[in-house]
Amino acid sequence: MAGEKNVGLVLLNASMSPFGQRCSIALAEKDLPHEYVEEDLAAKSDLLLRSNPVYKQIPVLLHDGRTVIESLIILQYLDEAFPSTRPLLPADPYERARARFWADYVDKKLYGCASRLYMVKEEPQTPAKVEMAEVLKTLEGELAGKEFFGGEQGFGFVDVALMPFATWFESFDRYWGVGVAEVAPMLAAWAARCMERESVSRSVCSPKEVYDFIGQTRKNLGIE
């Protein structure tokens, strides 16, 4: 079985997962060779179940047989385990804390709101749609005209955490009428800059793949 020896770095992932895509971006940014194992979440492998018996979810990073789970924890682990590679987190403790805060904001607010929007049927404005617009504006405020969220450091921890969700932006508009280019134009421009990085373009899904995935998910939930 692929990855069974657990030698070196092995990433267990499902290609549509924005959380797993974070790990792929980070590994590429750090130029760390690794084995990629695609998981079928409808028939999870014994390796995945053994590696993450608590949550039984991807992504999972195996490093010489040791397991690291949860995408943001994996990103921090890669910084600490491979200190000679390009850092994702800034060196200053305060700036590191800020980066962790905003990455957590992405998970709790943007992803949380997007998950609720899956359940939206009606066209009129709903609380989740209004909330999503505010979340996007808040993130744009933190970007504050910088090229990347990492500021002088450049593309960094928050950029890696948020970028996989940028491929959802088109679907926010097409499904729910939340036009990111109108609500947060600087954030939309940031996403376009990120896509110019090979580490990103080779790791994330296309907006069409995300749109089709959301449509299938809504159909499965009986919403479409």
C-alpha atoms as a PDB file:
ATOM      1  CA  MET A   1       0.000   0.000   0.000  1.00  0.00           C
ATOM      2  CA  ALA A   2       1.267   3.485  -0.839  1.00  0.00           C
ATOM      3  CA  GLY A   3       2.797   5.206   2.155  1.00  0.00           C
ATOM      4  CA  GLU A   4       2.789   1.989   4.211  1.00  0.00           C
ATOM      5  CA  LYS A   5       6.474   2.314   5.120  1.00  0.00           C
ATOM      6  CA  ASN A   6       5.908   5.904   6.248  1.00  0.00           C
ATOM      7  CA  VAL A   7       9.458   6.897   5.327  1.00  0.00           C
ATOM      8  CA  GLY A   8      10.118  10.578   4.767  1.00  0.00           C
ATOM      9  CA  LEU A   9       7.102  12.828   4.220  1.00  0.00           C
ATOM     10  CA  VAL A  10       3.746  11.390   3.163  1.00  0.00           C
ATOM     11  CA  LEU A  11       0.618  13.521   2.722  1.00  0.00           C
ATOM     12  CA  LEU A  12      -2.751  11.786   2.968  1.00  0.00           C
ATOM     13  CA  ASN A  13      -5.299  14.018   1.296  1.00  0.00           C
ATOM     14  CA  ALA A  14      -8.403  14.319  -0.856  1.00  0.00           C
ATOM     15  CA  SER A  15      -7.795  16.625  -3.808  1.00  0.00           C
ATOM     16  CA  MET A  16     -10.949  18.748  -3.285  1.00  0.00           C
ATOM     17  CA  SER A  17     -10.062  19.558   0.325  1.00  0.00           C
ATOM     18  CA  PRO A  18      -8.948  23.170   0.799  1.00  0.00           C
ATOM     19  CA  PHE A  19      -7.326  22.075   4.042  1.00  0.00           C
ATOM     20  CA  GLY A  20      -5.206  19.479   2.281  1.00  0.00           C
ATOM     21  CA  GLN A  21      -4.396  21.982  -0.452  1.00  0.00           C
ATOM     22  CA  ARG A  22      -2.838  24.183   2.226  1.00  0.00           C
ATOM     23  CA  CYS A  23      -0.400  21.427   3.021  1.00  0.00           C
ATOM     24  CA  SER A  24       0.448  20.878  -0.639  1.00  0.00           C
ATOM     25  CA  ILE A  25       1.145  24.606  -1.081  1.00  0.00           C
ATOM     26  CA  ALA A  26       3.363  24.657   2.005  1.00  0.00           C
ATOM     27  CA  LEU A  27       5.319  21.598   0.930  1.00  0.00           C
ATOM     28  CA  ALA A  28       5.859  23.169  -2.500  1.00  0.00           C
ATOM     29  CA  GLU A  29       6.894  26.532  -1.028  1.00  0.00           C
ATOM     30  CA  LYS A  30       9.443  24.732   1.114  1.00  0.00           C
ATOM     31  CA  ASP A  31      10.542  22.502  -1.776  1.00  0.00           C
ATOM     32  CA  LEU A  32      10.104  19.410   0.382  1.00  0.00           C
ATOM     33  CA  PRO A  33       9.907  16.115  -1.546  1.00  0.00           C
ATOM     34  CA  HIS A  34       7.003  13.983  -0.372  1.00  0.00           C
ATOM     35  CA  GLU A  35       4.700  11.183  -1.342  1.00  0.00           C
ATOM     36  CA  TYR A  36       1.096  12.125  -2.039  1.00  0.00           C
ATOM     37  CA  VAL A  37      -1.643   9.601  -1.231  1.00  0.00           C
ATOM     38  CA  GLU A  38      -5.143  10.379  -2.511  1.00  0.00           C
ATOM     39  CA  GLU A  39      -7.840   9.207  -0.113  1.00  0.00           C
ATOM     40  CA  ASP A  40     -11.355   8.115  -1.047  1.00  0.00           C
ATOM     41  CA  LEU A  41     -13.364   9.601   1.809  1.00  0.00           C
ATOM     42  CA  ALA A  42     -16.253   7.264   1.054  1.00  0.00           C
ATOM     43  CA  ALA A  43     -13.938   4.293   1.653  1.00  0.00           C
ATOM     44  CA  LYS A  44     -11.171   5.502   3.930  1.00  0.00           C
ATOM     45  CA  SER A  45      -7.969   3.509   3.877  1.00  0.00           C
ATOM     46  CA  ASP A  46      -6.649   1.547   6.827  1.00  0.00           C
ATOM     47  CA  LEU A  47      -3.614   3.835   6.746  1.00  0.00           C
ATOM     48  CA  LEU A  48      -5.785   6.924   7.235  1.00  0.00           C
ATOM     49  CA  LEU A  49      -7.879   5.309   9.969  1.00  0.00           C
ATOM     50  CA  ARG A  50      -4.764   4.201  11.819  1.00  0.00           C
ATOM     51  CA  SER A  51      -3.015   7.519  11.343  1.00  0.00           C
ATOM     52  CA  ASN A  52      -5.927   9.669  12.511  1.00  0.00           C
ATOM     53  CA  PRO A  53      -8.096   7.441  14.719  1.00  0.00           C
ATOM     54  CA  VAL A  54      -9.638  10.405  16.560  1.00  0.00           C
ATOM     55  CA  TYR A  55     -11.110  12.394  13.637  1.00  0.00           C
ATOM     56  CA  LYS A  56     -10.585   9.922  10.760  1.00  0.00           C
ATOM     57  CA  GLN A  57     -10.113  12.909   8.458  1.00  0.00           C
ATOM     58  CA  ILE A  58      -7.597  14.318   6.014  1.00  0.00           C
ATOM     59  CA  PRO A  59      -5.156  15.938   5.739  1.00  0.00           C
ATOM     60  CA  VAL A  60      -2.627  13.810   7.589  1.00  0.00           C
ATOM     61  CA  LEU A  61       1.122  14.312   7.359  1.00  0.00           C
ATOM     62  CA  LEU A  62       3.349  11.351   8.103  1.00  0.00           C
ATOM     63  CA  HIS A  63       6.977  12.181   8.866  1.00  0.00           C
ATOM     64  CA  ASP A  64       9.152   9.113   9.260  1.00  0.00           C
ATOM     65  CA  GLY A  65       6.188   7.228  10.666  1.00  0.00           C
ATOM     66  CA  ARG A  66       5.029   9.956  13.039  1.00  0.00           C
ATOM     67  CA  THR A  67       1.608  11.490  12.510  1.00  0.00           C
ATOM     68  CA  VAL A  68       0.727  15.182  12.358  1.00  0.00           C
ATOM     69  CA  ILE A  69      -2.935  16.137  11.864  1.00  0.00           C
ATOM     70  CA  GLU A  70      -4.973  19.332  11.289  1.00  0.00           C
ATOM     71  CA  SER A  71      -3.839  21.565   8.447  1.00  0.00           C
ATOM     72  CA  LEU A  72      -2.750  24.646  10.398  1.00  0.00           C
ATOM     73  CA  ILE A  73      -0.832  22.456  12.833  1.00  0.00           C
ATOM     74  CA  ILE A  74       0.829  20.735   9.870  1.00  0.00           C
ATOM     75  CA  LEU A  75       1.908  24.115   8.469  1.00  0.00           C
ATOM     76  CA  GLN A  76       3.451  25.113  11.793  1.00  0.00           C
ATOM     77  CA  TYR A  77       5.109  21.713  12.125  1.00  0.00           C
ATOM     78  CA  LEU A  78       6.754  22.060   8.730  1.00  0.00           C
ATOM     79  CA  ASP A  79       8.233  25.398   9.807  1.00  0.00           C
ATOM     80  CA  GLU A  80       9.620  23.899  13.009  1.00  0.00           C
ATOM     81  CA  ALA A  81      10.740  20.530  11.642  1.00  0.00           C
ATOM     82  CA  PHE A  82      12.497  22.034   8.610  1.00  0.00           C
ATOM     83  CA  PRO A  83      13.955  25.328   9.880  1.00  0.00           C
ATOM     84  CA  SER A  84      16.349  25.682   6.942  1.00  0.00           C
ATOM     85  CA  THR A  85      13.457  25.911   4.457  1.00  0.00           C
ATOM     86  CA  ARG A  86      11.509  29.044   3.525  1.00  0.00           C
ATOM     87  CA  PRO A  87       9.513  30.046   6.641  1.00  0.00           C
ATOM     88  CA  LEU A  88       5.759  30.522   6.511  1.00  0.00           C
ATOM     89  CA  LEU A  89       5.392  32.185   9.913  1.00  0.00           C
ATOM     90  CA  PRO A  90       7.229  35.430  10.682  1.00  0.00           C
ATOM     91  CA  ALA A  91      10.113  35.436  13.141  1.00  0.00           C
ATOM     92  CA  ASP A  92       8.672  38.109  15.429  1.00  0.00           C
ATOM     93  CA  PRO A  93       6.489  36.522  18.173  1.00  0.00           C
ATOM     94  CA  TYR A  94       3.813  39.222  17.923  1.00  0.00           C
ATOM     95  CA  GLU A  95       3.555  38.889  14.150  1.00  0.00           C
ATOM     96  CA  ARG A  96       3.439  35.101  14.523  1.00  0.00           C
ATOM     97  CA  ALA A  97       0.518  35.463  16.916  1.00  0.00           C
ATOM     98  CA  ARG A  98      -1.288  37.763  14.463  1.00  0.00           C
ATOM     99  CA  ALA A  99      -0.756  35.296  11.623  1.00  0.00           C
ATOM    100  CA  ARG A 100      -2.172  32.456  13.715  1.00  0.00           C
ATOM    101  CA  PHE A 101      -5.177  34.608  14.617  1.00  0.00           C
ATOM    102  CA  TRP A 102      -6.037  35.395  11.002  1.00  0.00           C
ATOM    103  CA  ALA A 103      -5.562  31.807   9.866  1.00  0.00           C
ATOM    104  CA  ASP A 104      -7.941  30.766  12.645  1.00  0.00           C
ATOM    105  CA  TYR A 105     -10.347  33.484  11.472  1.00  0.00           C
ATOM    106  CA  VAL A 106     -10.355  31.927   8.008  1.00  0.00           C
ATOM    107  CA  ASP A 107     -11.375  28.572   9.451  1.00  0.00           C
ATOM    108  CA  LYS A 108     -13.942  29.813  11.931  1.00  0.00           C
ATOM    109  CA  LYS A 109     -15.531  32.624   9.947  1.00  0.00           C
ATOM    110  CA  LEU A 110     -14.972  32.169   6.211  1.00  0.00           C
ATOM    111  CA  TYR A 111     -15.161  28.375   6.121  1.00  0.00           C
ATOM    112  CA  GLY A 112     -17.866  28.319   8.771  1.00  0.00           C
ATOM    113  CA  CYS A 113     -20.001  30.769   6.821  1.00  0.00           C
ATOM    114  CA  ALA A 114     -19.380  29.014   3.501  1.00  0.00           C
ATOM    115  CA  SER A 115     -20.510  25.732   5.059  1.00  0.00           C
ATOM    116  CA  ARG A 116     -23.805  27.353   6.086  1.00  0.00           C
ATOM    117  CA  LEU A 117     -24.256  28.767   2.588  1.00  0.00           C
ATOM    118  CA  TYR A 118     -24.332  25.193   1.292  1.00  0.00           C
ATOM    119  CA  MET A 119     -27.774  25.020   2.860  1.00  0.00           C
ATOM    120  CA  VAL A 120     -29.169  28.203   1.278  1.00  0.00           C
ATOM    121  CA  LYS A 121     -32.079  27.612  -1.100  1.00  0.00           C
ATOM    122  CA  GLU A 122     -33.745  31.003  -1.469  1.00  0.00           C
ATOM    123  CA  GLU A 123     -32.488  33.884  -3.599  1.00  0.00           C
ATOM    124  CA  PRO A 124     -33.178  36.770  -1.144  1.00  0.00           C
ATOM    125  CA  GLN A 125     -30.406  37.894   1.180  1.00  0.00           C
ATOM    126  CA  THR A 126     -29.931  35.546   4.081  1.00  0.00           C
ATOM    127  CA  PRO A 127     -27.934  36.100   7.281  1.00  0.00           C
ATOM    128  CA  ALA A 128     -25.164  33.821   5.989  1.00  0.00           C
ATOM    129  CA  LYS A 129     -24.802  35.836   2.768  1.00  0.00           C
ATOM    130  CA  VAL A 130     -24.632  39.112   4.659  1.00  0.00           C
ATOM    131  CA  GLU A 131     -22.106  37.583   7.049  1.00  0.00           C
ATOM    132  CA  MET A 132     -19.941  36.324   4.179  1.00  0.00           C
ATOM    133  CA  ALA A 133     -19.739  39.813   2.690  1.00  0.00           C
ATOM    134  CA  GLU A 134     -18.615  41.149   6.080  1.00  0.00           C
ATOM    135  CA  VAL A 135     -16.025  38.372   6.460  1.00  0.00           C
ATOM    136  CA  LEU A 136     -14.548  39.213   3.060  1.00  0.00           C
ATOM    137  CA  LYS A 137     -14.438  42.921   3.907  1.00  0.00           C
ATOM    138  CA  THR A 138     -12.716  42.144   7.212  1.00  0.00           C
ATOM    139  CA  LEU A 139     -10.049  40.059   5.470  1.00  0.00           C
ATOM    140  CA  GLU A 140      -9.529  42.824   2.933  1.00  0.00           C
ATOM    141  CA  GLY A 141      -9.061  45.245   5.809  1.00  0.00           C
ATOM    142  CA  GLU A 142      -6.284  43.061   7.209  1.00  0.00           C
ATOM    143  CA  LEU A 143      -4.674  42.843   3.765  1.00  0.00           C
ATOM    144  CA  ALA A 144      -4.722  46.649   3.838  1.00  0.00           C
ATOM    145  CA  GLY A 145      -3.119  47.211   0.458  1.00  0.00           C
ATOM    146  CA  LYS A 146      -0.240  44.783   1.033  1.00  0.00           C
ATOM    147  CA  GLU A 147       0.767  42.492  -1.813  1.00  0.00           C
ATOM    148  CA  PHE A 148       0.380  39.473   0.478  1.00  0.00           C
ATOM    149  CA  PHE A 149      -0.870  38.969   4.013  1.00  0.00           C
ATOM    150  CA  GLY A 150       2.716  38.234   5.013  1.00  0.00           C
ATOM    151  CA  GLY A 151       3.609  41.890   4.436  1.00  0.00           C
ATOM    152  CA  GLU A 152       7.342  42.449   4.096  1.00  0.00           C
ATOM    153  CA  GLN A 153       7.921  38.695   4.441  1.00  0.00           C
ATOM    154  CA  GLY A 154       5.800  38.135   1.349  1.00  0.00           C
ATOM    155  CA  PHE A 155       3.633  35.085   0.742  1.00  0.00           C
ATOM    156  CA  GLY A 156       3.253  33.404   4.123  1.00  0.00           C
ATOM    157  CA  PHE A 157       1.148  31.561   6.672  1.00  0.00           C
ATOM    158  CA  VAL A 158      -2.137  33.464   6.245  1.00  0.00           C
ATOM    159  CA  ASP A 159      -1.819  33.439   2.462  1.00  0.00           C
ATOM    160  CA  VAL A 160      -1.386  29.653   2.506  1.00  0.00           C
ATOM    161  CA  ALA A 161      -4.319  29.263   4.899  1.00  0.00           C
ATOM    162  CA  LEU A 162      -6.705  31.406   2.852  1.00  0.00           C
ATOM    163  CA  MET A 163      -5.684  30.789  -0.752  1.00  0.00           C
ATOM    164  CA  PRO A 164      -7.421  27.408  -1.277  1.00  0.00           C
ATOM    165  CA  PHE A 165     -10.723  29.104  -0.430  1.00  0.00           C
ATOM    166  CA  ALA A 166     -10.117  31.769  -3.068  1.00  0.00           C
ATOM    167  CA  THR A 167     -11.062  29.195  -5.694  1.00  0.00           C
ATOM    168  CA  TRP A 168     -14.513  29.248  -4.054  1.00  0.00           C
ATOM    169  CA  PHE A 169     -14.949  32.975  -4.763  1.00  0.00           C
ATOM    170  CA  GLU A 170     -16.577  32.430  -8.150  1.00  0.00           C
ATOM    171  CA  SER A 171     -19.071  30.037  -6.579  1.00  0.00           C
ATOM    172  CA  PHE A 172     -19.911  32.560  -3.856  1.00  0.00           C
ATOM    173  CA  ASP A 173     -21.191  34.797  -6.659  1.00  0.00           C
ATOM    174  CA  ARG A 174     -22.770  32.187  -8.933  1.00  0.00           C
ATOM    175  CA  TYR A 175     -24.622  30.320  -6.186  1.00  0.00           C
ATOM    176  CA  TRP A 176     -25.276  32.994  -3.583  1.00  0.00           C
ATOM    177  CA  GLY A 177     -24.811  36.399  -5.178  1.00  0.00           C
ATOM    178  CA  VAL A 178     -21.762  37.386  -3.105  1.00  0.00           C
ATOM    179  CA  GLY A 179     -19.512  39.022  -5.694  1.00  0.00           C
ATOM    180  CA  VAL A 180     -16.017  39.090  -4.219  1.00  0.00           C
ATOM    181  CA  ALA A 181     -14.708  41.477  -6.884  1.00  0.00           C
ATOM    182  CA  GLU A 182     -17.402  43.969  -5.863  1.00  0.00           C
ATOM    183  CA  VAL A 183     -17.375  43.373  -2.098  1.00  0.00           C
ATOM    184  CA  ALA A 184     -13.593  43.083  -1.653  1.00  0.00           C
ATOM    185  CA  PRO A 185     -11.753  44.003  -4.887  1.00  0.00           C
ATOM    186  CA  MET A 186      -8.304  44.076  -3.251  1.00  0.00           C
ATOM    187  CA  LEU A 187      -8.884  40.560  -1.956  1.00  0.00           C
ATOM    188  CA  ALA A 188      -9.851  39.421  -5.449  1.00  0.00           C
ATOM    189  CA  ALA A 189      -6.644  40.982  -6.824  1.00  0.00           C
ATOM    190  CA  TRP A 190      -4.648  39.245  -4.071  1.00  0.00           C
ATOM    191  CA  ALA A 191      -6.112  35.889  -5.130  1.00  0.00           C
ATOM    192  CA  ALA A 192      -5.053  36.508  -8.732  1.00  0.00           C
ATOM    193  CA  ARG A 193      -1.489  37.286  -7.590  1.00  0.00           C
ATOM    194  CA  CYS A 194      -1.363  34.119  -5.533  1.00  0.00           C
ATOM    195  CA  MET A 195      -2.457  32.033  -8.506  1.00  0.00           C
ATOM    196  CA  GLU A 196       0.652  33.215 -10.356  1.00  0.00           C
ATOM    197  CA  ARG A 197       2.756  31.183  -7.897  1.00  0.00           C
ATOM    198  CA  GLU A 198       3.492  27.682  -9.109  1.00  0.00           C
ATOM    199  CA  SER A 199       3.121  26.327  -5.570  1.00  0.00           C
ATOM    200  CA  VAL A 200      -0.483  27.546  -5.602  1.00  0.00           C
ATOM    201  CA  SER A 201      -1.560  26.878  -9.181  1.00  0.00           C
ATOM    202  CA  ARG A 202      -0.386  23.260  -8.979  1.00  0.00           C
ATOM    203  CA  SER A 203      -2.014  22.632  -5.590  1.00  0.00           C
ATOM    204  CA  VAL A 204      -5.516  24.094  -5.735  1.00  0.00           C
ATOM    205  CA  CYS A 205      -8.589  23.104  -7.704  1.00  0.00           C
ATOM    206  CA  SER A 206      -9.989  25.272 -10.455  1.00  0.00           C
ATOM    207  CA  PRO A 207     -13.042  27.465  -9.770  1.00  0.00           C
ATOM    208  CA  LYS A 208     -15.054  25.237 -12.129  1.00  0.00           C
ATOM    209  CA  GLU A 209     -14.104  22.115 -10.178  1.00  0.00           C
ATOM    210  CA  VAL A 210     -15.201  23.832  -6.969  1.00  0.00           C
ATOM    211  CA  TYR A 211     -18.447  25.023  -8.567  1.00  0.00           C
ATOM    212  CA  ASP A 212     -19.268  21.517  -9.788  1.00  0.00           C
ATOM    213  CA  PHE A 213     -18.327  20.019  -6.409  1.00  0.00           C
ATOM    214  CA  ILE A 214     -20.600  22.425  -4.532  1.00  0.00           C
ATOM    215  CA  GLY A 215     -23.407  21.694  -6.978  1.00  0.00           C
ATOM    216  CA  GLN A 216     -23.054  17.951  -6.459  1.00  0.00           C
ATOM    217  CA  THR A 217     -22.895  18.420  -2.706  1.00  0.00           C
ATOM    218  CA  ARG A 218     -26.089  20.507  -2.731  1.00  0.00           C
ATOM    219  CA  LYS A 219     -27.764  17.886  -4.901  1.00  0.00           C
ATOM    220  CA  ASN A 220     -26.735  15.160  -2.467  1.00  0.00           C
ATOM    221  CA  LEU A 221     -28.185  17.221   0.364  1.00  0.00           C
ATOM    222  CA  GLY A 222     -31.458  17.651  -1.530  1.00  0.00           C
ATOM    223  CA  ILE A 223     -31.011  21.419  -1.964  1.00  0.00           C
ATOM    224  CA  GLU A 224     -30.707  21.676  -5.745  1.00  0.00           C
END
